[in-house]
Structures are given as structure tokens and as C-alpha cells.
Amino acid sequence: MNFSEISENPLVFLSWVTALGLFLSLTEATLKIKFEKISSMQKRQELINSLYPKI
């Protein structure tokens, strides 16, 4: 790939930057949702265990 052509066409460069940013943003959001779901399940389990202790 000839990288000297990218500087000649800023629209192509901006498109690549935008696509990369969108991909990173979607990846971050997906991971954040998964971690929040896991955290919520752990908190729920701790609450249940505190309400109904094992004898």
C-alpha cells in the first residue's frame, strides 16, 4: 500500500479514522456492558446470601 496517497486525499484518511474510532467505541461499550452485567449478578448474589444465610 502506498501511504503517500493518503495525504493527497484527506477524505479517505478521515474515513479510516472514523471507522477505527467507531470500532473502538463499539468494542468498549460491549465490554463495559458485559462487566456491568457480571458485577450486577455478583451484587445480587451477595444480597441474596446476606438475606438467606446458610445454617
N, C-alpha and C. Protein backbone atom coordinates (compact mmCIF):
# COMPACT_ATOMS: atom_id res chain seq x y z
N MET A 1 0.85 -1.18 0.00
CA MET A 1 0.00 0.00 0.00
C MET A 1 0.89 1.24 0.00
N ASN A 2 0.55 2.17 -0.82
CA ASN A 2 1.32 3.40 -0.93
C ASN A 2 0.71 4.44 0.00
N PHE A 3 1.41 4.72 1.11
CA PHE A 3 0.87 5.64 2.11
C PHE A 3 0.98 7.10 1.68
N SER A 4 1.73 7.39 0.65
CA SER A 4 1.83 8.78 0.20
C SER A 4 0.53 9.26 -0.43
N GLU A 5 -0.30 8.34 -0.89
CA GLU A 5 -1.58 8.72 -1.50
C GLU A 5 -2.60 9.15 -0.45
N ILE A 6 -2.42 8.72 0.79
CA ILE A 6 -3.39 9.06 1.83
C ILE A 6 -3.38 10.55 2.10
N SER A 7 -2.20 11.15 2.15
CA SER A 7 -2.13 12.59 2.43
C SER A 7 -2.73 13.41 1.30
N GLU A 8 -2.80 12.85 0.10
CA GLU A 8 -3.37 13.58 -1.03
C GLU A 8 -4.89 13.60 -0.98
N ASN A 9 -5.48 12.62 -0.32
CA ASN A 9 -6.93 12.55 -0.24
C ASN A 9 -7.35 12.48 1.23
N PRO A 10 -7.62 13.63 1.84
CA PRO A 10 -7.96 13.63 3.27
C PRO A 10 -9.28 12.93 3.58
N LEU A 11 -10.16 12.83 2.60
CA LEU A 11 -11.44 12.16 2.83
C LEU A 11 -11.24 10.68 3.15
N VAL A 12 -10.31 10.04 2.46
CA VAL A 12 -10.01 8.64 2.73
C VAL A 12 -9.42 8.48 4.12
N PHE A 13 -8.50 9.37 4.48
CA PHE A 13 -7.88 9.32 5.80
C PHE A 13 -8.93 9.51 6.90
N LEU A 14 -9.80 10.50 6.74
CA LEU A 14 -10.84 10.75 7.74
C LEU A 14 -11.81 9.58 7.83
N SER A 15 -12.09 8.93 6.72
CA SER A 15 -12.97 7.77 6.73
C SER A 15 -12.34 6.63 7.53
N TRP A 16 -11.05 6.40 7.34
CA TRP A 16 -10.36 5.35 8.11
C TRP A 16 -10.33 5.67 9.59
N VAL A 17 -10.05 6.91 9.92
CA VAL A 17 -10.02 7.31 11.33
C VAL A 17 -11.40 7.17 11.97
N THR A 18 -12.42 7.56 11.24
CA THR A 18 -13.79 7.44 11.74
C THR A 18 -14.17 5.98 11.93
N ALA A 19 -13.84 5.13 10.98
CA ALA A 19 -14.16 3.71 11.08
C ALA A 19 -13.43 3.08 12.26
N LEU A 20 -12.17 3.42 12.44
CA LEU A 20 -11.40 2.89 13.56
C LEU A 20 -11.99 3.37 14.89
N GLY A 21 -12.33 4.63 14.98
CA GLY A 21 -12.94 5.17 16.20
C GLY A 21 -14.27 4.51 16.51
N LEU A 22 -15.07 4.27 15.49
CA LEU A 22 -16.36 3.61 15.69
C LEU A 22 -16.16 2.19 16.19
N PHE A 23 -15.22 1.48 15.61
CA PHE A 23 -14.93 0.12 16.04
C PHE A 23 -14.46 0.09 17.50
N LEU A 24 -13.56 0.98 17.86
CA LEU A 24 -13.08 1.03 19.24
C LEU A 24 -14.19 1.39 20.21
N SER A 25 -15.05 2.30 19.82
CA SER A 25 -16.15 2.72 20.68
C SER A 25 -17.14 1.57 20.90
N LEU A 26 -17.47 0.86 19.85
CA LEU A 26 -18.38 -0.27 19.98
C LEU A 26 -17.78 -1.39 20.83
N THR A 27 -16.49 -1.63 20.67
CA THR A 27 -15.82 -2.64 21.47
C THR A 27 -15.82 -2.25 22.95
N GLU A 28 -15.52 -1.00 23.23
CA GLU A 28 -15.52 -0.52 24.61
C GLU A 28 -16.91 -0.63 25.23
N ALA A 29 -17.93 -0.24 24.49
CA ALA A 29 -19.30 -0.31 25.01
C ALA A 29 -19.71 -1.75 25.29
N THR A 30 -19.35 -2.66 24.40
CA THR A 30 -19.69 -4.07 24.59
C THR A 30 -19.03 -4.63 25.84
N LEU A 31 -17.75 -4.34 26.02
CA LEU A 31 -17.04 -4.82 27.21
C LEU A 31 -17.61 -4.20 28.48
N LYS A 32 -17.95 -2.94 28.43
CA LYS A 32 -18.50 -2.27 29.60
C LYS A 32 -19.84 -2.88 30.00
N ILE A 33 -20.68 -3.17 29.03
CA ILE A 33 -21.98 -3.79 29.31
C ILE A 33 -21.79 -5.17 29.92
N LYS A 34 -20.85 -5.96 29.39
CA LYS A 34 -20.61 -7.29 29.93
C LYS A 34 -20.11 -7.22 31.36
N PHE A 35 -19.16 -6.32 31.65
CA PHE A 35 -18.63 -6.20 33.00
C PHE A 35 -19.69 -5.70 33.98
N GLU A 36 -20.54 -4.78 33.55
CA GLU A 36 -21.62 -4.29 34.41
C GLU A 36 -22.62 -5.40 34.71
N LYS A 37 -22.90 -6.24 33.73
CA LYS A 37 -23.82 -7.36 33.94
C LYS A 37 -23.24 -8.35 34.94
N ILE A 38 -21.96 -8.66 34.81
CA ILE A 38 -21.31 -9.58 35.75
C ILE A 38 -21.30 -8.99 37.15
N SER A 39 -20.99 -7.71 37.25
CA SER A 39 -20.96 -7.03 38.55
C SER A 39 -22.35 -7.02 39.19
N SER A 40 -23.36 -6.77 38.39
CA SER A 40 -24.72 -6.75 38.90
C SER A 40 -25.14 -8.13 39.42
N MET A 41 -24.75 -9.17 38.70
CA MET A 41 -25.09 -10.52 39.14
C MET A 41 -24.38 -10.86 40.44
N GLN A 42 -23.12 -10.43 40.59
CA GLN A 42 -22.39 -10.69 41.83
C GLN A 42 -23.01 -9.95 43.01
N LYS A 43 -23.41 -8.70 42.80
CA LYS A 43 -24.04 -7.92 43.87
C LYS A 43 -25.38 -8.55 44.26
N ARG A 44 -26.14 -9.01 43.29
CA ARG A 44 -27.41 -9.66 43.56
C ARG A 44 -27.20 -10.93 44.38
N GLN A 45 -26.19 -11.70 44.01
CA GLN A 45 -25.91 -12.94 44.73
C GLN A 45 -25.47 -12.65 46.17
N GLU A 46 -24.65 -11.61 46.36
CA GLU A 46 -24.24 -11.24 47.71
C GLU A 46 -25.43 -10.80 48.55
N LEU A 47 -26.36 -10.06 47.95
CA LEU A 47 -27.55 -9.62 48.67
C LEU A 47 -28.41 -10.82 49.06
N ILE A 48 -28.59 -11.75 48.14
CA ILE A 48 -29.38 -12.95 48.44
C ILE A 48 -28.71 -13.75 49.56
N ASN A 49 -27.38 -13.88 49.50
CA ASN A 49 -26.67 -14.62 50.53
C ASN A 49 -26.76 -13.93 51.89
N SER A 50 -26.81 -12.61 51.91
CA SER A 50 -26.93 -11.92 53.20
C SER A 50 -28.34 -12.03 53.76
N LEU A 51 -29.34 -12.14 52.90
CA LEU A 51 -30.71 -12.28 53.37
C LEU A 51 -31.02 -13.71 53.82
N TYR A 52 -30.44 -14.66 53.16
CA TYR A 52 -30.68 -16.06 53.47
C TYR A 52 -29.35 -16.74 53.77
N PRO A 53 -28.82 -16.53 54.97
CA PRO A 53 -27.52 -17.14 55.30
C PRO A 53 -27.65 -18.65 55.44
N LYS A 54 -26.57 -19.33 55.10
CA LYS A 54 -26.56 -20.79 55.25
C LYS A 54 -26.36 -21.14 56.71
N ILE A 55 -27.10 -22.13 57.15
CA ILE A 55 -27.03 -22.53 58.57
C ILE A 55 -26.12 -23.72 58.72
